[in-house]
Amino acid sequence: MDEELRSLAQRLRGESGGSVAYERLLVTEDREELAGVLTEHERPLWAREIAAFRLGCAGDRRAFEALVLLLNHRDPGRCVSAAHALSRLADPRTSRAAAALATNELRVAYALVPVRLLTRLRAPESVPALITVLRRRLTPGDPHWRLALACVEGLGALGDKRAHAILTSARSHPRLTAAAEAALARIT
């Protein structure tokens, strides 16, 4: 069992009650069984999460929709597990979905993991989405400075010159100054 699956299993053990179904979903190699969990009625969220995670890590695109829903969940642990599986899934729709979630201002409180996923994906949508999110976070009084910091760090990691202007603006925000300067140094 890899570290990410072990972490997911520990997190969901209590939620599942450590049931036989929980144990079965962690060890089965039957992708049809896992895919069935995603479509069966009245399956608990923990079961759907395990099935989607395992299918996604195995590269089975039937997990895509469930993983995107989990990426947008209010529980950070679910978001992180979904992001890991989505990065392993290598579905071309992932970057568009992550960009849509990251830039949805109605869900800004849950955008941190999609922003980090965009950085990891290094997709064509990554830089424009991170610039959009960061621009919104630089408005006076915006409380989402951690999200802004993730955007600054992501733009630095991506090293795209299109981010120069927004990173220059970010330097004037005290919580972002050091990261913005480091990011600018990486792209110039």
C-alpha atoms as a PDB file:
ATOM      1  CA  MET A   1       0.000   0.000   0.000  1.00  0.00           C
ATOM      2  CA  ASP A   2       1.526   3.338  -1.022  1.00  0.00           C
ATOM      3  CA  GLU A   3       1.711   6.301   1.360  1.00  0.00           C
ATOM      4  CA  GLU A   4      -1.208   8.210  -0.178  1.00  0.00           C
ATOM      5  CA  LEU A   5      -3.529   5.195  -0.009  1.00  0.00           C
ATOM      6  CA  ARG A   6      -2.390   4.523   3.556  1.00  0.00           C
ATOM      7  CA  SER A   7      -3.216   8.114   4.504  1.00  0.00           C
ATOM      8  CA  LEU A   8      -6.642   7.872   2.859  1.00  0.00           C
ATOM      9  CA  ALA A   9      -7.308   4.553   4.614  1.00  0.00           C
ATOM     10  CA  GLN A  10      -6.415   5.982   8.024  1.00  0.00           C
ATOM     11  CA  ARG A  11      -8.606   9.027   7.449  1.00  0.00           C
ATOM     12  CA  LEU A  12     -11.623   6.976   6.353  1.00  0.00           C
ATOM     13  CA  ARG A  13     -11.335   4.084   8.848  1.00  0.00           C
ATOM     14  CA  GLY A  14     -13.437   5.841  11.474  1.00  0.00           C
ATOM     15  CA  GLU A  15     -15.959   7.132   8.961  1.00  0.00           C
ATOM     16  CA  SER A  16     -16.474   3.625   7.608  1.00  0.00           C
ATOM     17  CA  GLY A  17     -16.560   1.973  10.996  1.00  0.00           C
ATOM     18  CA  GLY A  18     -13.779  -0.328   9.782  1.00  0.00           C
ATOM     19  CA  SER A  19     -16.394  -2.416   8.005  1.00  0.00           C
ATOM     20  CA  VAL A  20     -15.801  -5.445   5.811  1.00  0.00           C
ATOM     21  CA  ALA A  21     -16.788  -3.309   2.788  1.00  0.00           C
ATOM     22  CA  TYR A  22     -14.101  -0.776   3.738  1.00  0.00           C
ATOM     23  CA  GLU A  23     -11.439  -3.486   3.981  1.00  0.00           C
ATOM     24  CA  ARG A  24     -12.579  -5.009   0.673  1.00  0.00           C
ATOM     25  CA  LEU A  25     -12.377  -1.691  -1.212  1.00  0.00           C
ATOM     26  CA  LEU A  26      -8.829  -1.139   0.013  1.00  0.00           C
ATOM     27  CA  VAL A  27      -7.514  -4.439  -1.306  1.00  0.00           C
ATOM     28  CA  THR A  28      -9.590  -5.449  -4.320  1.00  0.00           C
ATOM     29  CA  GLU A  29      -7.875  -5.419  -7.690  1.00  0.00           C
ATOM     30  CA  ASP A  30     -11.224  -5.688  -9.505  1.00  0.00           C
ATOM     31  CA  ARG A  31     -11.696  -2.380 -11.330  1.00  0.00           C
ATOM     32  CA  GLU A  32     -15.252  -3.310 -12.292  1.00  0.00           C
ATOM     33  CA  GLU A  33     -16.122  -3.698  -8.632  1.00  0.00           C
ATOM     34  CA  LEU A  34     -14.565  -0.306  -7.869  1.00  0.00           C
ATOM     35  CA  ALA A  35     -16.370   1.338 -10.795  1.00  0.00           C
ATOM     36  CA  GLY A  36     -19.635  -0.183  -9.607  1.00  0.00           C
ATOM     37  CA  VAL A  37     -19.240   1.588  -6.267  1.00  0.00           C
ATOM     38  CA  LEU A  38     -19.247   4.922  -8.118  1.00  0.00           C
ATOM     39  CA  THR A  39     -22.617   4.238  -9.763  1.00  0.00           C
ATOM     40  CA  GLU A  40     -24.519   2.219  -7.163  1.00  0.00           C
ATOM     41  CA  HIS A  41     -27.260   3.981  -5.216  1.00  0.00           C
ATOM     42  CA  GLU A  42     -26.886   4.692  -1.521  1.00  0.00           C
ATOM     43  CA  ARG A  43     -23.168   4.037  -1.311  1.00  0.00           C
ATOM     44  CA  PRO A  44     -21.572   6.157   1.441  1.00  0.00           C
ATOM     45  CA  LEU A  45     -19.156   8.922   0.524  1.00  0.00           C
ATOM     46  CA  TRP A  46     -16.190   7.104   2.077  1.00  0.00           C
ATOM     47  CA  ALA A  47     -16.781   4.108  -0.233  1.00  0.00           C
ATOM     48  CA  ARG A  48     -17.062   6.318  -3.305  1.00  0.00           C
ATOM     49  CA  GLU A  49     -13.885   8.138  -2.296  1.00  0.00           C
ATOM     50  CA  ILE A  50     -11.869   4.942  -1.921  1.00  0.00           C
ATOM     51  CA  ALA A  51     -13.160   3.601  -5.241  1.00  0.00           C
ATOM     52  CA  ALA A  52     -12.494   6.856  -7.102  1.00  0.00           C
ATOM     53  CA  PHE A  53      -9.039   7.211  -5.582  1.00  0.00           C
ATOM     54  CA  ARG A  54      -8.011   3.663  -6.441  1.00  0.00           C
ATOM     55  CA  LEU A  55      -9.386   3.883  -9.987  1.00  0.00           C
ATOM     56  CA  GLY A  56      -7.785   7.282 -10.556  1.00  0.00           C
ATOM     57  CA  CYS A  57      -4.388   6.097  -9.341  1.00  0.00           C
ATOM     58  CA  ALA A  58      -4.729   3.129 -11.671  1.00  0.00           C
ATOM     59  CA  GLY A  59      -5.375   5.449 -14.636  1.00  0.00           C
ATOM     60  CA  ASP A  60      -9.035   4.443 -15.052  1.00  0.00           C
ATOM     61  CA  ARG A  61     -10.914   7.462 -16.402  1.00  0.00           C
ATOM     62  CA  ARG A  62     -14.236   6.292 -14.988  1.00  0.00           C
ATOM     63  CA  ALA A  63     -13.069   7.939 -11.770  1.00  0.00           C
ATOM     64  CA  PHE A  64     -12.763  11.418 -13.285  1.00  0.00           C
ATOM     65  CA  GLU A  65     -16.161  12.900 -12.365  1.00  0.00           C
ATOM     66  CA  ALA A  66     -16.105  11.554  -8.812  1.00  0.00           C
ATOM     67  CA  LEU A  67     -12.573  12.853  -8.282  1.00  0.00           C
ATOM     68  CA  VAL A  68     -13.481  16.330  -9.537  1.00  0.00           C
ATOM     69  CA  LEU A  69     -16.416  16.433  -7.120  1.00  0.00           C
ATOM     70  CA  LEU A  70     -14.078  15.412  -4.294  1.00  0.00           C
ATOM     71  CA  LEU A  71     -11.534  18.029  -5.386  1.00  0.00           C
ATOM     72  CA  ASN A  72     -14.235  20.617  -4.707  1.00  0.00           C
ATOM     73  CA  HIS A  73     -15.252  19.185  -1.319  1.00  0.00           C
ATOM     74  CA  ARG A  74     -15.187  21.284   1.850  1.00  0.00           C
ATOM     75  CA  ASP A  75     -13.036  18.644   3.615  1.00  0.00           C
ATOM     76  CA  PRO A  76      -9.371  19.402   2.797  1.00  0.00           C
ATOM     77  CA  GLY A  77      -8.364  15.758   3.232  1.00  0.00           C
ATOM     78  CA  ARG A  78     -10.782  14.701   0.520  1.00  0.00           C
ATOM     79  CA  CYS A  79      -9.487  17.453  -1.762  1.00  0.00           C
ATOM     80  CA  VAL A  80      -5.863  16.422  -1.286  1.00  0.00           C
ATOM     81  CA  SER A  81      -6.596  12.741  -1.967  1.00  0.00           C
ATOM     82  CA  ALA A  82      -8.606  13.651  -5.066  1.00  0.00           C
ATOM     83  CA  ALA A  83      -5.811  15.909  -6.349  1.00  0.00           C
ATOM     84  CA  HIS A  84      -3.284  13.114  -5.932  1.00  0.00           C
ATOM     85  CA  ALA A  85      -5.465  10.651  -7.831  1.00  0.00           C
ATOM     86  CA  LEU A  86      -6.251  13.211 -10.547  1.00  0.00           C
ATOM     87  CA  SER A  87      -2.566  13.908 -11.091  1.00  0.00           C
ATOM     88  CA  ARG A  88      -1.964  10.176 -11.527  1.00  0.00           C
ATOM     89  CA  LEU A  89      -5.043   9.723 -13.725  1.00  0.00           C
ATOM     90  CA  ALA A  90      -3.551  11.853 -16.525  1.00  0.00           C
ATOM     91  CA  ASP A  91      -6.956  12.701 -17.982  1.00  0.00           C
ATOM     92  CA  PRO A  92      -6.762  15.710 -20.348  1.00  0.00           C
ATOM     93  CA  ARG A  93      -9.924  17.154 -18.764  1.00  0.00           C
ATOM     94  CA  THR A  94      -8.245  17.506 -15.364  1.00  0.00           C
ATOM     95  CA  SER A  95      -6.522  20.829 -15.973  1.00  0.00           C
ATOM     96  CA  ARG A  96      -9.707  22.459 -17.278  1.00  0.00           C
ATOM     97  CA  ALA A  97     -11.666  21.183 -14.294  1.00  0.00           C
ATOM     98  CA  ALA A  98      -9.006  22.340 -11.823  1.00  0.00           C
ATOM     99  CA  ALA A  99      -8.867  25.767 -13.489  1.00  0.00           C
ATOM    100  CA  ALA A 100     -12.658  26.084 -13.309  1.00  0.00           C
ATOM    101  CA  LEU A 101     -12.662  25.182  -9.614  1.00  0.00           C
ATOM    102  CA  ALA A 102      -9.731  27.457  -8.788  1.00  0.00           C
ATOM    103  CA  THR A 103     -11.271  30.477 -10.503  1.00  0.00           C
ATOM    104  CA  ASN A 104     -14.819  29.985  -9.179  1.00  0.00           C
ATOM    105  CA  GLU A 105     -15.143  32.945  -6.852  1.00  0.00           C
ATOM    106  CA  LEU A 106     -18.165  31.372  -5.135  1.00  0.00           C
ATOM    107  CA  ARG A 107     -15.915  28.505  -3.970  1.00  0.00           C
ATOM    108  CA  VAL A 108     -12.782  30.547  -3.242  1.00  0.00           C
ATOM    109  CA  ALA A 109     -12.512  29.090   0.273  1.00  0.00           C
ATOM    110  CA  TYR A 110     -11.940  25.661  -1.321  1.00  0.00           C
ATOM    111  CA  ALA A 111      -9.587  26.722  -4.131  1.00  0.00           C
ATOM    112  CA  LEU A 112      -6.238  26.020  -2.468  1.00  0.00           C
ATOM    113  CA  VAL A 113      -5.927  22.383  -3.543  1.00  0.00           C
ATOM    114  CA  PRO A 114      -7.044  23.042  -7.151  1.00  0.00           C
ATOM    115  CA  VAL A 115      -4.417  25.823  -7.339  1.00  0.00           C
ATOM    116  CA  ARG A 116      -1.718  23.443  -6.149  1.00  0.00           C
ATOM    117  CA  LEU A 117      -2.931  20.794  -8.584  1.00  0.00           C
ATOM    118  CA  LEU A 118      -2.678  23.281 -11.461  1.00  0.00           C
ATOM    119  CA  THR A 119       0.934  23.918 -10.521  1.00  0.00           C
ATOM    120  CA  ARG A 120       1.665  20.196 -10.438  1.00  0.00           C
ATOM    121  CA  LEU A 121      -0.046  19.609 -13.804  1.00  0.00           C
ATOM    122  CA  ARG A 122       1.915  22.345 -15.614  1.00  0.00           C
ATOM    123  CA  ALA A 123      -0.912  22.470 -18.182  1.00  0.00           C
ATOM    124  CA  PRO A 124      -1.676  25.292 -20.623  1.00  0.00           C
ATOM    125  CA  GLU A 125      -4.539  26.365 -18.320  1.00  0.00           C
ATOM    126  CA  SER A 126      -2.295  26.610 -15.256  1.00  0.00           C
ATOM    127  CA  VAL A 127      -0.668  30.022 -15.654  1.00  0.00           C
ATOM    128  CA  PRO A 128      -3.784  31.930 -16.812  1.00  0.00           C
ATOM    129  CA  ALA A 129      -5.845  30.426 -13.975  1.00  0.00           C
ATOM    130  CA  LEU A 130      -3.231  31.204 -11.322  1.00  0.00           C
ATOM    131  CA  ILE A 131      -2.884  34.770 -12.595  1.00  0.00           C
ATOM    132  CA  THR A 132      -6.673  35.218 -12.450  1.00  0.00           C
ATOM    133  CA  VAL A 133      -6.915  33.863  -8.914  1.00  0.00           C
ATOM    134  CA  LEU A 134      -3.956  35.922  -7.701  1.00  0.00           C
ATOM    135  CA  ARG A 135      -5.282  39.133  -9.268  1.00  0.00           C
ATOM    136  CA  ARG A 136      -8.532  38.712  -7.314  1.00  0.00           C
ATOM    137  CA  ARG A 137      -6.647  38.034  -4.085  1.00  0.00           C
ATOM    138  CA  LEU A 138      -4.636  41.250  -4.356  1.00  0.00           C
ATOM    139  CA  THR A 139      -7.689  43.422  -3.755  1.00  0.00           C
ATOM    140  CA  PRO A 140      -7.585  45.331  -0.455  1.00  0.00           C
ATOM    141  CA  GLY A 141      -9.045  43.415   2.460  1.00  0.00           C
ATOM    142  CA  ASP A 142      -9.149  40.024   0.747  1.00  0.00           C
ATOM    143  CA  PRO A 143      -8.885  37.382   3.507  1.00  0.00           C
ATOM    144  CA  HIS A 144      -7.530  34.565   1.330  1.00  0.00           C
ATOM    145  CA  TRP A 145      -3.820  35.335   1.594  1.00  0.00           C
ATOM    146  CA  ARG A 146      -2.855  31.627   1.805  1.00  0.00           C
ATOM    147  CA  LEU A 147      -4.482  31.110  -1.574  1.00  0.00           C
ATOM    148  CA  ALA A 148      -2.605  34.121  -2.918  1.00  0.00           C
ATOM    149  CA  LEU A 149       0.630  32.692  -1.565  1.00  0.00           C
ATOM    150  CA  ALA A 150      -0.051  29.350  -3.267  1.00  0.00           C
ATOM    151  CA  CYS A 151      -0.605  31.212  -6.548  1.00  0.00           C
ATOM    152  CA  VAL A 152       2.641  33.164  -6.168  1.00  0.00           C
ATOM    153  CA  GLU A 153       4.586  29.998  -5.374  1.00  0.00           C
ATOM    154  CA  GLY A 154       2.905  28.155  -8.226  1.00  0.00           C
ATOM    155  CA  LEU A 155       3.665  30.884 -10.730  1.00  0.00           C
ATOM    156  CA  GLY A 156       7.283  30.856  -9.600  1.00  0.00           C
ATOM    157  CA  ALA A 157       7.458  27.089 -10.022  1.00  0.00           C
ATOM    158  CA  LEU A 158       5.926  27.323 -13.484  1.00  0.00           C
ATOM    159  CA  GLY A 159       8.433  29.999 -14.488  1.00  0.00           C
ATOM    160  CA  ASP A 160       6.243  31.620 -17.146  1.00  0.00           C
ATOM    161  CA  LYS A 161       7.063  35.210 -18.088  1.00  0.00           C
ATOM    162  CA  ARG A 162       3.346  36.057 -18.419  1.00  0.00           C
ATOM    163  CA  ALA A 163       3.268  36.151 -14.608  1.00  0.00           C
ATOM    164  CA  HIS A 164       5.821  38.964 -14.301  1.00  0.00           C
ATOM    165  CA  ALA A 165       3.343  41.844 -13.929  1.00  0.00           C
ATOM    166  CA  ILE A 166       1.096  40.140 -11.361  1.00  0.00           C
ATOM    167  CA  LEU A 167       4.079  38.937  -9.337  1.00  0.00           C
ATOM    168  CA  THR A 168       5.469  42.479  -9.346  1.00  0.00           C
ATOM    169  CA  SER A 169       2.133  43.656  -7.926  1.00  0.00           C
ATOM    170  CA  ALA A 170       2.177  40.885  -5.324  1.00  0.00           C
ATOM    171  CA  ARG A 171       5.483  42.162  -3.916  1.00  0.00           C
ATOM    172  CA  SER A 172       3.644  45.092  -2.302  1.00  0.00           C
ATOM    173  CA  HIS A 173       1.579  42.749  -0.099  1.00  0.00           C
ATOM    174  CA  PRO A 174       3.525  42.036   3.123  1.00  0.00           C
ATOM    175  CA  ARG A 175       2.570  38.349   3.363  1.00  0.00           C
ATOM    176  CA  LEU A 176       3.551  37.797  -0.267  1.00  0.00           C
ATOM    177  CA  THR A 177       6.688  39.907  -0.627  1.00  0.00           C
ATOM    178  CA  ALA A 178       9.355  37.242  -0.092  1.00  0.00           C
ATOM    179  CA  ALA A 179       7.560  34.610  -2.181  1.00  0.00           C
ATOM    180  CA  ALA A 180       6.861  37.106  -4.983  1.00  0.00           C
ATOM    181  CA  GLU A 181      10.499  38.161  -5.096  1.00  0.00           C
ATOM    182  CA  ALA A 182      11.615  34.515  -5.200  1.00  0.00           C
ATOM    183  CA  ALA A 183       9.093  33.786  -7.976  1.00  0.00           C
ATOM    184  CA  LEU A 184      10.239  36.784  -9.985  1.00  0.00           C
ATOM    185  CA  ALA A 185      13.835  35.638  -9.673  1.00  0.00           C
ATOM    186  CA  ARG A 186      12.828  32.296 -11.189  1.00  0.00           C
ATOM    187  CA  ILE A 187      11.160  33.789 -14.251  1.00  0.00           C
ATOM    188  CA  THR A 188      13.605  36.561 -15.186  1.00  0.00           C
END
